[in-house]
Amino acid sequence: MPYRDLGDFKAKIQFVTSARTPSLIYKAVQKVGVQSNTVYIQRAVAEALSRDLGIPLQELLDELPEPKGKAAVLFNEHRQAVLRRQKEMEKAG
């Protein structure tokens, strides 16, 4: 997995996945109510690392950068951009 050092103890990881995975992540983000796809993926990786390497989960979660807030745009199952505000309005009524 390539990474890019962002300084301040941060790094960027990129990877290729199946075409279906972004849609599944989008659905999971909505279901569990986390801020963004990024936060969901960070927590999933932290849980796997904790399990596989025996590192306390809270220690790994504490090392994650602060989320910037809710994502302005998510992508639906058809990989079309959906504004979070639009999605919230649809849920409201």
PDB file of N, CA and C in Angstrom:
ATOM      1  N   MET A   1       0.825  -1.171   0.000  1.00  0.00           N
ATOM      2  CA  MET A   1       0.000   0.000   0.000  1.00  0.00           C
ATOM      3  C   MET A   1       0.877   1.245   0.000  1.00  0.00           C
ATOM      4  N   PRO A   2       0.758   2.084  -0.977  1.00  0.00           N
ATOM      5  CA  PRO A   2       1.554   3.306  -0.948  1.00  0.00           C
ATOM      6  C   PRO A   2       1.051   4.246   0.145  1.00  0.00           C
ATOM      7  N   TYR A   3       1.922   5.070   0.640  1.00  0.00           N
ATOM      8  CA  TYR A   3       1.504   6.054   1.627  1.00  0.00           C
ATOM      9  C   TYR A   3       2.228   7.363   1.353  1.00  0.00           C
ATOM     10  N   ARG A   4       1.700   8.427   1.900  1.00  0.00           N
ATOM     11  CA  ARG A   4       2.321   9.738   1.771  1.00  0.00           C
ATOM     12  C   ARG A   4       2.399  10.355   3.152  1.00  0.00           C
ATOM     13  N   ASP A   5       3.592  10.770   3.551  1.00  0.00           N
ATOM     14  CA  ASP A   5       3.802  11.392   4.851  1.00  0.00           C
ATOM     15  C   ASP A   5       3.215  12.797   4.832  1.00  0.00           C
ATOM     16  N   LEU A   6       2.313  13.085   5.742  1.00  0.00           N
ATOM     17  CA  LEU A   6       1.688  14.403   5.831  1.00  0.00           C
ATOM     18  C   LEU A   6       2.235  15.212   6.993  1.00  0.00           C
ATOM     19  N   GLY A   7       3.297  14.720   7.633  1.00  0.00           N
ATOM     20  CA  GLY A   7       3.863  15.418   8.787  1.00  0.00           C
ATOM     21  C   GLY A   7       2.944  15.303   9.981  1.00  0.00           C
ATOM     22  N   ASP A   8       3.386  15.859  11.090  1.00  0.00           N
ATOM     23  CA  ASP A   8       2.576  15.843  12.318  1.00  0.00           C
ATOM     24  C   ASP A   8       2.000  14.464  12.622  1.00  0.00           C
ATOM     25  N   PHE A   9       2.772  13.441  12.402  1.00  0.00           N
ATOM     26  CA  PHE A   9       2.384  12.077  12.731  1.00  0.00           C
ATOM     27  C   PHE A   9       1.156  11.596  11.947  1.00  0.00           C
ATOM     28  N   LYS A  10       1.000  12.074  10.715  1.00  0.00           N
ATOM     29  CA  LYS A  10      -0.087  11.640   9.847  1.00  0.00           C
ATOM     30  C   LYS A  10       0.496  11.067   8.561  1.00  0.00           C
ATOM     31  N   ALA A  11      -0.206  10.138   7.962  1.00  0.00           N
ATOM     32  CA  ALA A  11       0.183   9.579   6.666  1.00  0.00           C
ATOM     33  C   ALA A  11      -1.086   9.265   5.889  1.00  0.00           C
ATOM     34  N   LYS A  12      -0.983   9.246   4.572  1.00  0.00           N
ATOM     35  CA  LYS A  12      -2.119   8.932   3.709  1.00  0.00           C
ATOM     36  C   LYS A  12      -1.897   7.556   3.105  1.00  0.00           C
ATOM     37  N   ILE A  13      -2.930   6.716   3.155  1.00  0.00           N
ATOM     38  CA  ILE A  13      -2.879   5.383   2.566  1.00  0.00           C
ATOM     39  C   ILE A  13      -3.912   5.332   1.455  1.00  0.00           C
ATOM     40  N   GLN A  14      -3.533   4.746   0.321  1.00  0.00           N
ATOM     41  CA  GLN A  14      -4.458   4.556  -0.797  1.00  0.00           C
ATOM     42  C   GLN A  14      -4.437   3.083  -1.186  1.00  0.00           C
ATOM     43  N   PHE A  15      -5.579   2.579  -1.634  1.00  0.00           N
ATOM     44  CA  PHE A  15      -5.621   1.212  -2.113  1.00  0.00           C
ATOM     45  C   PHE A  15      -6.751   1.045  -3.118  1.00  0.00           C
ATOM     46  N   VAL A  16      -6.653   0.005  -3.902  1.00  0.00           N
ATOM     47  CA  VAL A  16      -7.679  -0.329  -4.887  1.00  0.00           C
ATOM     48  C   VAL A  16      -8.541  -1.431  -4.294  1.00  0.00           C
ATOM     49  N   THR A  17      -9.822  -1.367  -4.561  1.00  0.00           N
ATOM     50  CA  THR A  17     -10.741  -2.360  -4.019  1.00  0.00           C
ATOM     51  C   THR A  17     -11.768  -2.728  -5.086  1.00  0.00           C
ATOM     52  N   SER A  18     -12.706  -3.567  -4.733  1.00  0.00           N
ATOM     53  CA  SER A  18     -13.750  -3.952  -5.690  1.00  0.00           C
ATOM     54  C   SER A  18     -14.685  -2.781  -5.955  1.00  0.00           C
ATOM     55  N   ALA A  19     -15.355  -2.815  -7.067  1.00  0.00           N
ATOM     56  CA  ALA A  19     -16.270  -1.737  -7.442  1.00  0.00           C
ATOM     57  C   ALA A  19     -17.426  -1.608  -6.451  1.00  0.00           C
ATOM     58  N   ARG A  20     -17.786  -2.663  -5.780  1.00  0.00           N
ATOM     59  CA  ARG A  20     -18.916  -2.671  -4.855  1.00  0.00           C
ATOM     60  C   ARG A  20     -18.573  -2.077  -3.488  1.00  0.00           C
ATOM     61  N   THR A  21     -17.308  -2.118  -3.110  1.00  0.00           N
ATOM     62  CA  THR A  21     -16.911  -1.719  -1.759  1.00  0.00           C
ATOM     63  C   THR A  21     -17.301  -0.294  -1.391  1.00  0.00           C
ATOM     64  N   PRO A  22     -17.082   0.724  -2.235  1.00  0.00           N
ATOM     65  CA  PRO A  22     -17.493   2.081  -1.834  1.00  0.00           C
ATOM     66  C   PRO A  22     -18.993   2.177  -1.499  1.00  0.00           C
ATOM     67  N   SER A  23     -19.811   1.462  -2.235  1.00  0.00           N
ATOM     68  CA  SER A  23     -21.246   1.471  -1.968  1.00  0.00           C
ATOM     69  C   SER A  23     -21.551   0.821  -0.616  1.00  0.00           C
ATOM     70  N   LEU A  24     -20.870  -0.265  -0.320  1.00  0.00           N
ATOM     71  CA  LEU A  24     -21.084  -0.933   0.971  1.00  0.00           C
ATOM     72  C   LEU A  24     -20.622  -0.051   2.125  1.00  0.00           C
ATOM     73  N   ILE A  25     -19.506   0.629   1.945  1.00  0.00           N
ATOM     74  CA  ILE A  25     -19.022   1.542   2.981  1.00  0.00           C
ATOM     75  C   ILE A  25     -20.031   2.669   3.187  1.00  0.00           C
ATOM     76  N   TYR A  26     -20.554   3.213   2.099  1.00  0.00           N
ATOM     77  CA  TYR A  26     -21.564   4.275   2.176  1.00  0.00           C
ATOM     78  C   TYR A  26     -22.776   3.809   2.994  1.00  0.00           C
ATOM     79  N   LYS A  27     -23.257   2.608   2.706  1.00  0.00           N
ATOM     80  CA  LYS A  27     -24.409   2.071   3.442  1.00  0.00           C
ATOM     81  C   LYS A  27     -24.082   1.876   4.920  1.00  0.00           C
ATOM     82  N   ALA A  28     -22.884   1.387   5.211  1.00  0.00           N
ATOM     83  CA  ALA A  28     -22.479   1.172   6.601  1.00  0.00           C
ATOM     84  C   ALA A  28     -22.344   2.496   7.351  1.00  0.00           C
ATOM     85  N   VAL A  29     -21.800   3.510   6.690  1.00  0.00           N
ATOM     86  CA  VAL A  29     -21.662   4.834   7.305  1.00  0.00           C
ATOM     87  C   VAL A  29     -23.038   5.358   7.704  1.00  0.00           C
ATOM     88  N   GLN A  30     -23.994   5.221   6.809  1.00  0.00           N
ATOM     89  CA  GLN A  30     -25.356   5.674   7.123  1.00  0.00           C
ATOM     90  C   GLN A  30     -25.956   4.863   8.263  1.00  0.00           C
ATOM     91  N   LYS A  31     -25.729   3.576   8.255  1.00  0.00           N
ATOM     92  CA  LYS A  31     -26.321   2.696   9.269  1.00  0.00           C
ATOM     93  C   LYS A  31     -25.771   2.973  10.664  1.00  0.00           C
ATOM     94  N   VAL A  32     -24.454   3.142  10.780  1.00  0.00           N
ATOM     95  CA  VAL A  32     -23.861   3.329  12.102  1.00  0.00           C
ATOM     96  C   VAL A  32     -23.732   4.792  12.497  1.00  0.00           C
ATOM     97  N   GLY A  33     -23.881   5.704  11.537  1.00  0.00           N
ATOM     98  CA  GLY A  33     -23.911   7.123  11.858  1.00  0.00           C
ATOM     99  C   GLY A  33     -22.565   7.773  12.144  1.00  0.00           C
ATOM    100  N   VAL A  34     -21.486   7.262  11.568  1.00  0.00           N
ATOM    101  CA  VAL A  34     -20.194   7.943  11.735  1.00  0.00           C
ATOM    102  C   VAL A  34     -20.134   9.139  10.792  1.00  0.00           C
ATOM    103  N   GLN A  35     -19.119  10.002  10.985  1.00  0.00           N
ATOM    104  CA  GLN A  35     -19.051  11.262  10.245  1.00  0.00           C
ATOM    105  C   GLN A  35     -18.824  11.096   8.753  1.00  0.00           C
ATOM    106  N   SER A  36     -18.028  10.101   8.361  1.00  0.00           N
ATOM    107  CA  SER A  36     -17.636  10.010   6.960  1.00  0.00           C
ATOM    108  C   SER A  36     -17.141   8.613   6.623  1.00  0.00           C
ATOM    109  N   ASN A  37     -16.972   8.376   5.335  1.00  0.00           N
ATOM    110  CA  ASN A  37     -16.391   7.116   4.878  1.00  0.00           C
ATOM    111  C   ASN A  37     -14.999   6.939   5.472  1.00  0.00           C
ATOM    112  N   THR A  38     -14.232   8.023   5.525  1.00  0.00           N
ATOM    113  CA  THR A  38     -12.866   7.958   6.052  1.00  0.00           C
ATOM    114  C   THR A  38     -12.853   7.482   7.495  1.00  0.00           C
ATOM    115  N   VAL A  39     -13.708   8.057   8.321  1.00  0.00           N
ATOM    116  CA  VAL A  39     -13.767   7.668   9.735  1.00  0.00           C
ATOM    117  C   VAL A  39     -14.161   6.197   9.850  1.00  0.00           C
ATOM    118  N   TYR A  40     -15.105   5.758   9.054  1.00  0.00           N
ATOM    119  CA  TYR A  40     -15.529   4.358   9.085  1.00  0.00           C
ATOM    120  C   TYR A  40     -14.357   3.438   8.762  1.00  0.00           C
ATOM    121  N   ILE A  41     -13.622   3.759   7.698  1.00  0.00           N
ATOM    122  CA  ILE A  41     -12.486   2.929   7.285  1.00  0.00           C
ATOM    123  C   ILE A  41     -11.384   2.967   8.342  1.00  0.00           C
ATOM    124  N   GLN A  42     -11.089   4.141   8.894  1.00  0.00           N
ATOM    125  CA  GLN A  42     -10.062   4.247   9.933  1.00  0.00           C
ATOM    126  C   GLN A  42     -10.395   3.341  11.116  1.00  0.00           C
ATOM    127  N   ARG A  43     -11.640   3.364  11.543  1.00  0.00           N
ATOM    128  CA  ARG A  43     -12.040   2.537  12.697  1.00  0.00           C
ATOM    129  C   ARG A  43     -11.982   1.054  12.370  1.00  0.00           C
ATOM    130  N   ALA A  44     -12.377   0.696  11.155  1.00  0.00           N
ATOM    131  CA  ALA A  44     -12.331  -0.720  10.757  1.00  0.00           C
ATOM    132  C   ALA A  44     -10.891  -1.223  10.743  1.00  0.00           C
ATOM    133  N   VAL A  45      -9.977  -0.418  10.214  1.00  0.00           N
ATOM    134  CA  VAL A  45      -8.565  -0.810  10.189  1.00  0.00           C
ATOM    135  C   VAL A  45      -8.022  -0.887  11.615  1.00  0.00           C
ATOM    136  N   ALA A  46      -8.369   0.081  12.449  1.00  0.00           N
ATOM    137  CA  ALA A  46      -7.904   0.068  13.839  1.00  0.00           C
ATOM    138  C   ALA A  46      -8.390  -1.190  14.557  1.00  0.00           C
ATOM    139  N   GLU A  47      -9.632  -1.591  14.324  1.00  0.00           N
ATOM    140  CA  GLU A  47     -10.160  -2.809  14.955  1.00  0.00           C
ATOM    141  C   GLU A  47      -9.391  -4.038  14.500  1.00  0.00           C
ATOM    142  N   ALA A  48      -9.078  -4.122  13.211  1.00  0.00           N
ATOM    143  CA  ALA A  48      -8.323  -5.268  12.691  1.00  0.00           C
ATOM    144  C   ALA A  48      -6.901  -5.286  13.251  1.00  0.00           C
ATOM    145  N   LEU A  49      -6.244  -4.126  13.291  1.00  0.00           N
ATOM    146  CA  LEU A  49      -4.893  -4.064  13.841  1.00  0.00           C
ATOM    147  C   LEU A  49      -4.877  -4.445  15.320  1.00  0.00           C
ATOM    148  N   SER A  50      -5.855  -3.982  16.051  1.00  0.00           N
ATOM    149  CA  SER A  50      -5.959  -4.313  17.465  1.00  0.00           C
ATOM    150  C   SER A  50      -6.092  -5.822  17.651  1.00  0.00           C
ATOM    151  N   ARG A  51      -6.976  -6.395  16.892  1.00  0.00           N
ATOM    152  CA  ARG A  51      -7.212  -7.843  16.972  1.00  0.00           C
ATOM    153  C   ARG A  51      -5.973  -8.634  16.554  1.00  0.00           C
ATOM    154  N   ASP A  52      -5.379  -8.276  15.425  1.00  0.00           N
ATOM    155  CA  ASP A  52      -4.291  -9.067  14.854  1.00  0.00           C
ATOM    156  C   ASP A  52      -2.941  -8.854  15.532  1.00  0.00           C
ATOM    157  N   LEU A  53      -2.727  -7.663  16.077  1.00  0.00           N
ATOM    158  CA  LEU A  53      -1.428  -7.354  16.669  1.00  0.00           C
ATOM    159  C   LEU A  53      -1.463  -7.237  18.190  1.00  0.00           C
ATOM    160  N   GLY A  54      -2.656  -7.352  18.763  1.00  0.00           N
ATOM    161  CA  GLY A  54      -2.777  -7.289  20.213  1.00  0.00           C
ATOM    162  C   GLY A  54      -2.545  -5.897  20.793  1.00  0.00           C
ATOM    163  N   ILE A  55      -2.743  -4.875  19.989  1.00  0.00           N
ATOM    164  CA  ILE A  55      -2.616  -3.495  20.464  1.00  0.00           C
ATOM    165  C   ILE A  55      -3.992  -3.059  20.973  1.00  0.00           C
ATOM    166  N   PRO A  56      -4.048  -2.438  22.155  1.00  0.00           N
ATOM    167  CA  PRO A  56      -5.352  -1.987  22.647  1.00  0.00           C
ATOM    168  C   PRO A  56      -6.051  -1.069  21.628  1.00  0.00           C
ATOM    169  N   LEU A  57      -7.318  -1.350  21.360  1.00  0.00           N
ATOM    170  CA  LEU A  57      -8.068  -0.580  20.378  1.00  0.00           C
ATOM    171  C   LEU A  57      -8.085   0.900  20.712  1.00  0.00           C
ATOM    172  N   GLN A  58      -8.316   1.236  21.967  1.00  0.00           N
ATOM    173  CA  GLN A  58      -8.411   2.653  22.334  1.00  0.00           C
ATOM    174  C   GLN A  58      -7.107   3.387  22.040  1.00  0.00           C
ATOM    175  N   GLU A  59      -5.988   2.710  22.211  1.00  0.00           N
ATOM    176  CA  GLU A  59      -4.689   3.325  21.898  1.00  0.00           C
ATOM    177  C   GLU A  59      -4.621   3.704  20.414  1.00  0.00           C
ATOM    178  N   LEU A  60      -5.068   2.797  19.557  1.00  0.00           N
ATOM    179  CA  LEU A  60      -5.058   3.072  18.115  1.00  0.00           C
ATOM    180  C   LEU A  60      -6.044   4.176  17.746  1.00  0.00           C
ATOM    181  N   LEU A  61      -7.228   4.152  18.343  1.00  0.00           N
ATOM    182  CA  LEU A  61      -8.227   5.186  18.065  1.00  0.00           C
ATOM    183  C   LEU A  61      -7.738   6.559  18.522  1.00  0.00           C
ATOM    184  N   ASP A  62      -7.036   6.597  19.658  1.00  0.00           N
ATOM    185  CA  ASP A  62      -6.527   7.866  20.175  1.00  0.00           C
ATOM    186  C   ASP A  62      -5.462   8.469  19.263  1.00  0.00           C
ATOM    187  N   GLU A  63      -4.783   7.644  18.476  1.00  0.00           N
ATOM    188  CA  GLU A  63      -3.730   8.129  17.577  1.00  0.00           C
ATOM    189  C   GLU A  63      -4.284   8.673  16.261  1.00  0.00           C
ATOM    190  N   LEU A  64      -5.553   8.433  15.970  1.00  0.00           N
ATOM    191  CA  LEU A  64      -6.133   8.903  14.714  1.00  0.00           C
ATOM    192  C   LEU A  64      -6.276  10.425  14.730  1.00  0.00           C
ATOM    193  N   PRO A  65      -6.105  11.054  13.562  1.00  0.00           N
ATOM    194  CA  PRO A  65      -6.330  12.511  13.508  1.00  0.00           C
ATOM    195  C   PRO A  65      -7.798  12.831  13.773  1.00  0.00           C
ATOM    196  N   GLU A  66      -8.038  14.018  14.279  1.00  0.00           N
ATOM    197  CA  GLU A  66      -9.418  14.460  14.517  1.00  0.00           C
ATOM    198  C   GLU A  66     -10.176  14.505  13.199  1.00  0.00           C
ATOM    199  N   PRO A  67     -11.401  13.999  13.175  1.00  0.00           N
ATOM    200  CA  PRO A  67     -12.198  14.137  11.953  1.00  0.00           C
ATOM    201  C   PRO A  67     -12.457  15.614  11.681  1.00  0.00           C
ATOM    202  N   LYS A  68     -12.502  15.972  10.423  1.00  0.00           N
ATOM    203  CA  LYS A  68     -12.741  17.366  10.052  1.00  0.00           C
ATOM    204  C   LYS A  68     -14.210  17.730  10.187  1.00  0.00           C
ATOM    205  N   GLY A  69     -15.044  16.766  10.451  1.00  0.00           N
ATOM    206  CA  GLY A  69     -16.479  16.999  10.540  1.00  0.00           C
ATOM    207  C   GLY A  69     -17.188  16.108   9.552  1.00  0.00           C
ATOM    208  N   LYS A  70     -18.473  16.310   9.428  1.00  0.00           N
ATOM    209  CA  LYS A  70     -19.238  15.509   8.480  1.00  0.00           C
ATOM    210  C   LYS A  70     -18.762  15.773   7.065  1.00  0.00           C
ATOM    211  N   ALA A  71     -18.723  14.726   6.290  1.00  0.00           N
ATOM    212  CA  ALA A  71     -18.357  14.887   4.885  1.00  0.00           C
ATOM    213  C   ALA A  71     -19.452  15.693   4.190  1.00  0.00           C
ATOM    214  N   ALA A  72     -19.062  16.609   3.355  1.00  0.00           N
ATOM    215  CA  ALA A  72     -20.039  17.413   2.623  1.00  0.00           C
ATOM    216  C   ALA A  72     -20.723  16.579   1.556  1.00  0.00           C
ATOM    217  N   VAL A  73     -19.998  15.609   1.020  1.00  0.00           N
ATOM    218  CA  VAL A  73     -20.527  14.793  -0.064  1.00  0.00           C
ATOM    219  C   VAL A  73     -20.225  13.330   0.210  1.00  0.00           C
ATOM    220  N   LEU A  74     -21.222  12.490   0.032  1.00  0.00           N
ATOM    221  CA  LEU A  74     -21.040  11.049   0.055  1.00  0.00           C
ATOM    222  C   LEU A  74     -21.420  10.537  -1.324  1.00  0.00           C
ATOM    223  N   PHE A  75     -21.175   9.275  -1.577  1.00  0.00           N
ATOM    224  CA  PHE A  75     -21.512   8.694  -2.864  1.00  0.00           C
ATOM    225  C   PHE A  75     -22.496   7.564  -2.654  1.00  0.00           C
ATOM    226  N   ASN A  76     -23.539   7.520  -3.484  1.00  0.00           N
ATOM    227  CA  ASN A  76     -24.543   6.472  -3.346  1.00  0.00           C
ATOM    228  C   ASN A  76     -24.090   5.200  -4.045  1.00  0.00           C
ATOM    229  N   GLU A  77     -24.978   4.229  -4.082  1.00  0.00           N
ATOM    230  CA  GLU A  77     -24.628   2.926  -4.661  1.00  0.00           C
ATOM    231  C   GLU A  77     -24.320   2.993  -6.155  1.00  0.00           C
ATOM    232  N   HIS A  78     -24.684   4.095  -6.803  1.00  0.00           N
ATOM    233  CA  HIS A  78     -24.397   4.274  -8.230  1.00  0.00           C
ATOM    234  C   HIS A  78     -23.195   5.191  -8.437  1.00  0.00           C
ATOM    235  N   ARG A  79     -22.450   5.425  -7.359  1.00  0.00           N
ATOM    236  CA  ARG A  79     -21.252   6.269  -7.364  1.00  0.00           C
ATOM    237  C   ARG A  79     -21.553   7.702  -7.804  1.00  0.00           C
ATOM    238  N   GLN A  80     -22.764   8.152  -7.502  1.00  0.00           N
ATOM    239  CA  GLN A  80     -23.147   9.536  -7.775  1.00  0.00           C
ATOM    240  C   GLN A  80     -23.023  10.329  -6.475  1.00  0.00           C
ATOM    241  N   ALA A  81     -22.517  11.544  -6.578  1.00  0.00           N
ATOM    242  CA  ALA A  81     -22.358  12.381  -5.394  1.00  0.00           C
ATOM    243  C   ALA A  81     -23.723  12.719  -4.803  1.00  0.00           C
ATOM    244  N   VAL A  82     -23.811  12.616  -3.494  1.00  0.00           N
ATOM    245  CA  VAL A  82     -25.027  12.970  -2.769  1.00  0.00           C
ATOM    246  C   VAL A  82     -24.613  13.910  -1.648  1.00  0.00           C
ATOM    247  N   LEU A  83     -25.141  15.120  -1.655  1.00  0.00           N
ATOM    248  CA  LEU A  83     -24.842  16.052  -0.585  1.00  0.00           C
ATOM    249  C   LEU A  83     -25.451  15.539   0.706  1.00  0.00           C
ATOM    250  N   ARG A  84     -24.674  15.536   1.778  1.00  0.00           N
ATOM    251  CA  ARG A  84     -25.161  15.026   3.065  1.00  0.00           C
ATOM    252  C   ARG A  84     -26.394  15.801   3.504  1.00  0.00           C
ATOM    253  N   ARG A  85     -26.397  17.116   3.307  1.00  0.00           N
ATOM    254  CA  ARG A  85     -27.550  17.933   3.699  1.00  0.00           C
ATOM    255  C   ARG A  85     -28.802  17.473   2.956  1.00  0.00           C
ATOM    256  N   GLN A  86     -28.658  17.160   1.675  1.00  0.00           N
ATOM    257  CA  GLN A  86     -29.775  16.668   0.866  1.00  0.00           C
ATOM    258  C   GLN A  86     -30.272  15.349   1.457  1.00  0.00           C
ATOM    259  N   LYS A  87     -29.353  14.476   1.832  1.00  0.00           N
ATOM    260  CA  LYS A  87     -29.707  13.171   2.393  1.00  0.00           C
ATOM    261  C   LYS A  87     -30.457  13.359   3.722  1.00  0.00           C
ATOM    262  N   GLU A  88     -29.980  14.276   4.562  1.00  0.00           N
ATOM    263  CA  GLU A  88     -30.637  14.532   5.835  1.00  0.00           C
ATOM    264  C   GLU A  88     -32.045  15.077   5.633  1.00  0.00           C
ATOM    265  N   MET A  89     -32.222  15.925   4.626  1.00  0.00           N
ATOM    266  CA  MET A  89     -33.541  16.475   4.336  1.00  0.00           C
ATOM    267  C   MET A  89     -34.496  15.384   3.852  1.00  0.00           C
ATOM    268  N   GLU A  90     -33.983  14.451   3.063  1.00  0.00           N
ATOM    269  CA  GLU A  90     -34.821  13.348   2.581  1.00  0.00           C
ATOM    270  C   GLU A  90     -35.289  12.484   3.743  1.00  0.00           C
ATOM    271  N   LYS A  91     -34.402  12.246   4.729  1.00  0.00           N
ATOM    272  CA  LYS A  91     -34.763  11.448   5.909  1.00  0.00           C
ATOM    273  C   LYS A  91     -35.813  12.159   6.759  1.00  0.00           C
ATOM    274  N   ALA A  92     -35.699  13.493   6.862  1.00  0.00           N
ATOM    275  CA  ALA A  92     -36.594  14.274   7.690  1.00  0.00           C
ATOM    276  C   ALA A  92     -38.022  14.325   7.166  1.00  0.00           C
ATOM    277  N   GLY A  93     -38.181  14.134   5.889  1.00  0.00           N
ATOM    278  CA  GLY A  93     -39.558  14.213   5.463  1.00  0.00           C
ATOM    279  C   GLY A  93     -39.724  14.296   4.025  1.00  0.00           C
TER     280      GLY A  93
END
